[in-house]
N, C-alpha and C. Protein backbone atom coordinates (compact mmCIF):
# COMPACT_ATOMS: atom_id res chain seq x y z
N UNK A 1 0.84 -1.17 0.00
CA UNK A 1 0.00 0.00 0.00
C UNK A 1 0.89 1.24 0.00
N UNK A 2 0.58 2.16 -0.87
CA UNK A 2 1.26 3.45 -0.91
C UNK A 2 0.22 4.50 -0.56
N UNK A 3 0.53 5.33 0.42
CA UNK A 3 -0.42 6.35 0.85
C UNK A 3 0.23 7.71 0.94
N UNK A 4 -0.60 8.74 0.92
CA UNK A 4 -0.15 10.12 1.04
C UNK A 4 -0.92 10.76 2.18
N UNK A 5 -0.21 11.54 2.99
CA UNK A 5 -0.79 12.15 4.18
C UNK A 5 -0.42 13.62 4.25
N UNK A 6 -1.37 14.45 4.62
CA UNK A 6 -1.09 15.86 4.90
C UNK A 6 -1.67 16.20 6.26
N UNK A 7 -0.81 16.72 7.13
CA UNK A 7 -1.23 17.15 8.46
C UNK A 7 -1.17 18.67 8.52
N UNK A 8 -2.29 19.29 8.80
CA UNK A 8 -2.28 20.74 8.95
C UNK A 8 -1.51 21.09 10.22
N UNK A 9 -0.82 22.22 10.24
CA UNK A 9 -0.04 22.59 11.43
C UNK A 9 -0.87 22.72 12.71
N UNK A 10 -2.14 23.02 12.57
CA UNK A 10 -3.00 23.19 13.75
C UNK A 10 -3.99 22.03 13.94
N UNK A 11 -3.62 20.85 13.48
CA UNK A 11 -4.49 19.68 13.58
C UNK A 11 -4.85 19.38 15.02
N UNK A 12 -6.12 19.09 15.27
CA UNK A 12 -6.59 18.80 16.62
C UNK A 12 -6.28 17.38 17.06
N UNK A 13 -6.41 17.16 18.35
CA UNK A 13 -6.12 15.85 18.95
C UNK A 13 -7.02 14.75 18.39
N UNK A 14 -8.29 15.04 18.18
CA UNK A 14 -9.24 14.03 17.71
C UNK A 14 -8.86 13.52 16.32
N UNK A 15 -8.50 14.42 15.43
CA UNK A 15 -8.08 14.03 14.08
C UNK A 15 -6.77 13.25 14.15
N UNK A 16 -5.84 13.69 15.00
CA UNK A 16 -4.57 12.99 15.16
C UNK A 16 -4.79 11.56 15.64
N UNK A 17 -5.66 11.37 16.61
CA UNK A 17 -5.95 10.02 17.10
C UNK A 17 -6.54 9.13 16.02
N UNK A 18 -7.42 9.67 15.19
CA UNK A 18 -8.00 8.89 14.09
C UNK A 18 -6.92 8.49 13.10
N UNK A 19 -6.01 9.41 12.79
CA UNK A 19 -4.89 9.08 11.90
C UNK A 19 -4.05 7.95 12.48
N UNK A 20 -3.71 8.04 13.78
CA UNK A 20 -2.88 7.02 14.40
C UNK A 20 -3.55 5.65 14.39
N UNK A 21 -4.86 5.61 14.56
CA UNK A 21 -5.59 4.34 14.48
C UNK A 21 -5.52 3.76 13.07
N UNK A 22 -5.70 4.60 12.08
CA UNK A 22 -5.61 4.13 10.69
C UNK A 22 -4.20 3.68 10.34
N UNK A 23 -3.21 4.42 10.84
CA UNK A 23 -1.81 4.05 10.62
C UNK A 23 -1.51 2.68 11.22
N UNK A 24 -1.99 2.46 12.42
CA UNK A 24 -1.76 1.18 13.09
C UNK A 24 -2.39 0.03 12.31
N UNK A 25 -3.63 0.20 11.87
CA UNK A 25 -4.31 -0.85 11.10
C UNK A 25 -3.59 -1.14 9.79
N UNK A 26 -3.20 -0.09 9.08
CA UNK A 26 -2.55 -0.28 7.78
C UNK A 26 -1.18 -0.94 7.92
N UNK A 27 -0.44 -0.60 8.96
CA UNK A 27 0.92 -1.12 9.08
C UNK A 27 0.95 -2.59 9.48
N UNK A 28 -0.10 -3.10 10.09
CA UNK A 28 -0.13 -4.51 10.47
C UNK A 28 -0.75 -5.39 9.40
N UNK A 29 -1.53 -4.83 8.51
CA UNK A 29 -2.24 -5.66 7.56
C UNK A 29 -1.49 -5.89 6.26
N UNK A 30 -0.49 -5.06 5.96
CA UNK A 30 0.18 -5.17 4.67
C UNK A 30 1.46 -4.36 4.66
N UNK A 31 2.16 -4.42 3.53
CA UNK A 31 3.34 -3.58 3.35
C UNK A 31 2.84 -2.15 3.16
N UNK A 32 3.46 -1.23 3.88
CA UNK A 32 3.00 0.16 3.87
C UNK A 32 4.14 1.11 3.55
N UNK A 33 3.89 2.01 2.61
CA UNK A 33 4.78 3.12 2.30
C UNK A 33 3.91 4.37 2.36
N UNK A 34 4.17 5.22 3.35
CA UNK A 34 3.35 6.41 3.57
C UNK A 34 4.22 7.64 3.47
N UNK A 35 3.86 8.54 2.60
CA UNK A 35 4.64 9.76 2.41
C UNK A 35 3.72 10.97 2.52
N UNK A 36 4.30 12.12 2.76
CA UNK A 36 3.51 13.33 2.81
C UNK A 36 4.12 14.38 3.71
N UNK A 37 3.38 15.46 3.87
CA UNK A 37 3.78 16.59 4.70
C UNK A 37 3.19 16.37 6.09
N UNK A 38 4.03 15.94 7.01
CA UNK A 38 3.57 15.61 8.36
C UNK A 38 3.60 16.81 9.29
N UNK A 39 4.26 17.89 8.89
CA UNK A 39 4.29 19.14 9.66
C UNK A 39 4.66 18.96 11.13
N UNK A 40 5.74 18.27 11.37
CA UNK A 40 6.29 18.12 12.73
C UNK A 40 7.74 18.61 12.72
N UNK A 41 7.96 19.94 12.61
CA UNK A 41 9.33 20.44 12.51
C UNK A 41 10.16 20.26 13.78
N UNK A 42 9.53 19.97 14.89
CA UNK A 42 10.24 19.81 16.16
C UNK A 42 10.81 18.42 16.37
N UNK A 43 10.51 17.48 15.48
CA UNK A 43 10.99 16.11 15.63
C UNK A 43 12.44 16.01 15.18
N UNK A 44 13.25 15.39 16.02
CA UNK A 44 14.62 15.04 15.65
C UNK A 44 14.62 13.53 15.41
N UNK A 45 14.65 13.14 14.14
CA UNK A 45 14.56 11.72 13.81
C UNK A 45 15.81 10.96 14.20
N UNK A 46 16.95 11.63 14.21
CA UNK A 46 18.20 10.97 14.59
C UNK A 46 18.22 10.54 16.04
N UNK A 47 17.65 11.37 16.91
CA UNK A 47 17.63 11.04 18.35
C UNK A 47 16.26 10.60 18.84
N UNK A 48 15.28 10.54 17.95
CA UNK A 48 13.91 10.15 18.30
C UNK A 48 13.36 10.98 19.47
N UNK A 49 13.47 12.30 19.31
CA UNK A 49 12.95 13.21 20.33
C UNK A 49 12.06 14.25 19.67
N UNK A 50 11.17 14.83 20.47
CA UNK A 50 10.26 15.87 19.98
C UNK A 50 9.91 16.81 21.13
N UNK A 51 9.52 18.01 20.78
CA UNK A 51 9.19 19.02 21.78
C UNK A 51 7.71 19.11 22.11
N UNK A 52 6.84 18.59 21.24
CA UNK A 52 5.40 18.74 21.43
C UNK A 52 4.71 17.38 21.52
N UNK A 53 3.54 17.40 22.14
CA UNK A 53 2.79 16.17 22.43
C UNK A 53 2.45 15.37 21.16
N UNK A 54 1.88 16.03 20.15
CA UNK A 54 1.50 15.29 18.94
C UNK A 54 2.73 14.74 18.22
N UNK A 55 3.83 15.47 18.25
CA UNK A 55 5.06 14.98 17.62
C UNK A 55 5.61 13.77 18.37
N UNK A 56 5.56 13.83 19.70
CA UNK A 56 6.00 12.69 20.50
C UNK A 56 5.12 11.48 20.23
N UNK A 57 3.84 11.73 20.06
CA UNK A 57 2.90 10.64 19.76
C UNK A 57 3.23 10.01 18.41
N UNK A 58 3.59 10.83 17.43
CA UNK A 58 3.98 10.29 16.13
C UNK A 58 5.20 9.39 16.27
N UNK A 59 6.20 9.84 16.97
CA UNK A 59 7.39 9.02 17.20
C UNK A 59 7.02 7.70 17.87
N UNK A 60 6.15 7.76 18.85
CA UNK A 60 5.70 6.57 19.57
C UNK A 60 5.01 5.59 18.63
N UNK A 61 4.10 6.09 17.79
CA UNK A 61 3.37 5.21 16.87
C UNK A 61 4.29 4.62 15.80
N UNK A 62 5.24 5.40 15.33
CA UNK A 62 6.19 4.89 14.34
C UNK A 62 6.95 3.70 14.94
N UNK A 63 7.43 3.88 16.16
CA UNK A 63 8.18 2.80 16.82
C UNK A 63 7.30 1.59 17.13
N UNK A 64 6.14 1.83 17.70
CA UNK A 64 5.25 0.73 18.10
C UNK A 64 4.75 -0.09 16.91
N UNK A 65 4.67 0.54 15.75
CA UNK A 65 4.14 -0.14 14.57
C UNK A 65 5.24 -0.56 13.60
N UNK A 66 6.49 -0.60 14.11
CA UNK A 66 7.63 -1.11 13.36
C UNK A 66 7.82 -0.39 12.02
N UNK A 67 7.62 0.93 12.05
CA UNK A 67 7.83 1.73 10.86
C UNK A 67 9.20 2.40 10.93
N UNK A 68 9.74 2.72 9.77
CA UNK A 68 11.02 3.41 9.67
C UNK A 68 10.79 4.68 8.85
N UNK A 69 11.39 5.78 9.29
CA UNK A 69 11.34 7.04 8.55
C UNK A 69 12.62 7.11 7.74
N UNK A 70 12.52 7.10 6.39
CA UNK A 70 13.71 6.97 5.56
C UNK A 70 14.22 8.27 4.94
N UNK A 71 13.49 9.36 5.05
CA UNK A 71 13.96 10.64 4.50
C UNK A 71 15.16 11.12 5.32
N UNK A 72 16.21 11.54 4.64
CA UNK A 72 17.40 12.02 5.32
C UNK A 72 17.65 13.50 5.07
N UNK A 73 17.16 14.03 3.97
CA UNK A 73 17.41 15.42 3.61
C UNK A 73 16.29 16.32 4.08
N UNK A 74 16.62 17.56 4.38
CA UNK A 74 15.61 18.55 4.77
C UNK A 74 14.71 18.81 3.58
N UNK A 75 13.42 19.00 3.84
CA UNK A 75 12.47 19.14 2.74
C UNK A 75 11.78 20.50 2.69
N UNK A 76 11.99 21.32 3.70
CA UNK A 76 11.43 22.67 3.67
C UNK A 76 12.31 23.57 4.52
N UNK A 77 13.05 24.43 3.86
CA UNK A 77 13.99 25.34 4.53
C UNK A 77 14.92 24.51 5.42
N UNK A 78 14.87 24.71 6.73
CA UNK A 78 15.76 23.98 7.64
C UNK A 78 15.02 22.90 8.43
N UNK A 79 13.93 22.37 7.86
CA UNK A 79 13.12 21.37 8.57
C UNK A 79 12.87 20.14 7.70
N UNK A 80 12.63 19.03 8.37
CA UNK A 80 12.25 17.79 7.70
C UNK A 80 10.75 17.59 7.96
N UNK A 81 9.93 18.17 7.08
CA UNK A 81 8.47 18.09 7.24
C UNK A 81 7.87 16.96 6.41
N UNK A 82 8.46 16.70 5.26
CA UNK A 82 7.95 15.68 4.35
C UNK A 82 8.67 14.37 4.65
N UNK A 83 7.90 13.38 5.03
CA UNK A 83 8.46 12.11 5.50
C UNK A 83 8.11 10.97 4.56
N UNK A 84 8.84 9.90 4.70
CA UNK A 84 8.56 8.64 4.01
C UNK A 84 8.67 7.54 5.06
N UNK A 85 7.51 7.05 5.49
CA UNK A 85 7.44 6.00 6.51
C UNK A 85 7.15 4.67 5.83
N UNK A 86 7.81 3.60 6.29
CA UNK A 86 7.59 2.29 5.70
C UNK A 86 7.79 1.19 6.73
N UNK A 87 7.17 0.06 6.50
CA UNK A 87 7.44 -1.14 7.28
C UNK A 87 8.18 -2.18 6.44
N UNK A 88 8.66 -1.75 5.27
CA UNK A 88 9.42 -2.62 4.36
C UNK A 88 10.48 -1.79 3.66
N UNK A 89 11.47 -1.36 4.43
CA UNK A 89 12.52 -0.48 3.89
C UNK A 89 13.24 -1.10 2.70
N UNK A 90 13.33 -2.42 2.66
CA UNK A 90 14.02 -3.09 1.57
C UNK A 90 13.30 -2.94 0.23
N UNK A 91 12.06 -2.50 0.23
CA UNK A 91 11.30 -2.31 -1.00
C UNK A 91 11.39 -0.90 -1.56
N UNK A 92 12.12 -0.02 -0.88
CA UNK A 92 12.28 1.36 -1.35
C UNK A 92 13.69 1.56 -1.89
N UNK A 93 13.78 2.30 -2.97
CA UNK A 93 15.08 2.60 -3.57
C UNK A 93 15.05 4.00 -4.15
N UNK A 94 16.23 4.52 -4.37
CA UNK A 94 16.39 5.79 -5.06
C UNK A 94 15.57 6.92 -4.43
N UNK A 95 15.62 7.05 -3.12
CA UNK A 95 14.92 8.15 -2.45
C UNK A 95 15.72 9.42 -2.71
N UNK A 96 15.10 10.38 -3.38
CA UNK A 96 15.78 11.61 -3.77
C UNK A 96 14.94 12.82 -3.39
N UNK A 97 15.63 13.86 -2.95
CA UNK A 97 15.00 15.14 -2.70
C UNK A 97 15.46 16.07 -3.80
N UNK A 98 14.51 16.63 -4.54
CA UNK A 98 14.84 17.48 -5.67
C UNK A 98 14.69 18.96 -5.35
N UNK A 99 14.42 19.72 -6.39
CA UNK A 99 14.26 21.16 -6.24
C UNK A 99 12.84 21.48 -5.81
N UNK A 100 12.57 22.77 -5.62
CA UNK A 100 11.24 23.21 -5.20
C UNK A 100 10.19 22.78 -6.21
N UNK A 101 9.03 22.48 -5.70
CA UNK A 101 7.90 22.07 -6.53
C UNK A 101 7.10 23.32 -6.89
N UNK A 102 7.19 23.72 -8.11
CA UNK A 102 6.49 24.93 -8.55
C UNK A 102 7.06 26.16 -7.86
N UNK A 103 6.19 27.04 -7.41
CA UNK A 103 6.65 28.27 -6.77
C UNK A 103 6.47 28.25 -5.25
N UNK A 104 6.27 27.07 -4.66
CA UNK A 104 6.19 27.02 -3.19
C UNK A 104 7.53 26.62 -2.59
N UNK A 105 7.59 26.56 -1.28
CA UNK A 105 8.87 26.30 -0.62
C UNK A 105 9.08 24.85 -0.21
N UNK A 106 8.25 23.94 -0.71
CA UNK A 106 8.46 22.51 -0.49
C UNK A 106 9.23 21.94 -1.67
N UNK A 107 9.97 20.89 -1.41
CA UNK A 107 10.75 20.26 -2.46
C UNK A 107 10.05 19.01 -2.99
N UNK A 108 10.47 18.59 -4.14
CA UNK A 108 9.94 17.37 -4.76
C UNK A 108 10.68 16.17 -4.18
N UNK A 109 9.94 15.17 -3.77
CA UNK A 109 10.52 13.93 -3.23
C UNK A 109 10.17 12.81 -4.19
N UNK A 110 11.18 12.06 -4.61
CA UNK A 110 10.99 10.93 -5.52
C UNK A 110 11.54 9.67 -4.87
N UNK A 111 10.88 8.55 -5.12
CA UNK A 111 11.38 7.26 -4.67
C UNK A 111 10.78 6.16 -5.53
N UNK A 112 11.44 5.02 -5.53
CA UNK A 112 10.97 3.85 -6.27
C UNK A 112 10.51 2.80 -5.29
N UNK A 113 9.43 2.12 -5.65
CA UNK A 113 8.95 0.99 -4.87
C UNK A 113 9.28 -0.27 -5.66
N UNK A 114 10.11 -1.13 -5.10
CA UNK A 114 10.51 -2.35 -5.76
C UNK A 114 9.51 -3.45 -5.47
N UNK A 115 9.31 -4.31 -6.45
CA UNK A 115 8.42 -5.46 -6.22
C UNK A 115 8.85 -6.59 -7.11
N UNK A 116 8.53 -7.80 -6.68
CA UNK A 116 8.88 -8.97 -7.47
C UNK A 116 7.91 -9.16 -8.62
N UNK A 117 8.37 -9.84 -9.64
CA UNK A 117 7.52 -10.11 -10.81
C UNK A 117 6.99 -11.52 -10.70
C-alpha cells in the first residue's frame, strides 16, 4: 500500500488520534509506504525526540508499529516536514530530494517501490 498524508499545522487531537488508528491498522495488515507533509518540525529523527505532544505521539506510533522514517534530507527550509514511513525499507530505492515544486517552498521527493515479478 502506498499512501499520502497531509497534516495541517494546527491539527486537533481528535483528528490525530483517528490518523494514528488508521496508521496502526494499515501497518499490520500489509506492506506500507506512507509519504507526505507531516508538519512536525520539532521532531529530531536521529535522536527520536520531539518538543510537542503530537510529535511525541507520532514518534511513539512509528516505533510501536515497526515503521522506519527513511527521509534524510531537509524538505522545507531547515526542517524535515515531508516524511517517508515504511514497514518494508528493503522495497524502497532511489529516495531523492529534488528542487522546489512549482513556486512554493516545499521540495519534490521521488522514490521507487521495488516489487517482485
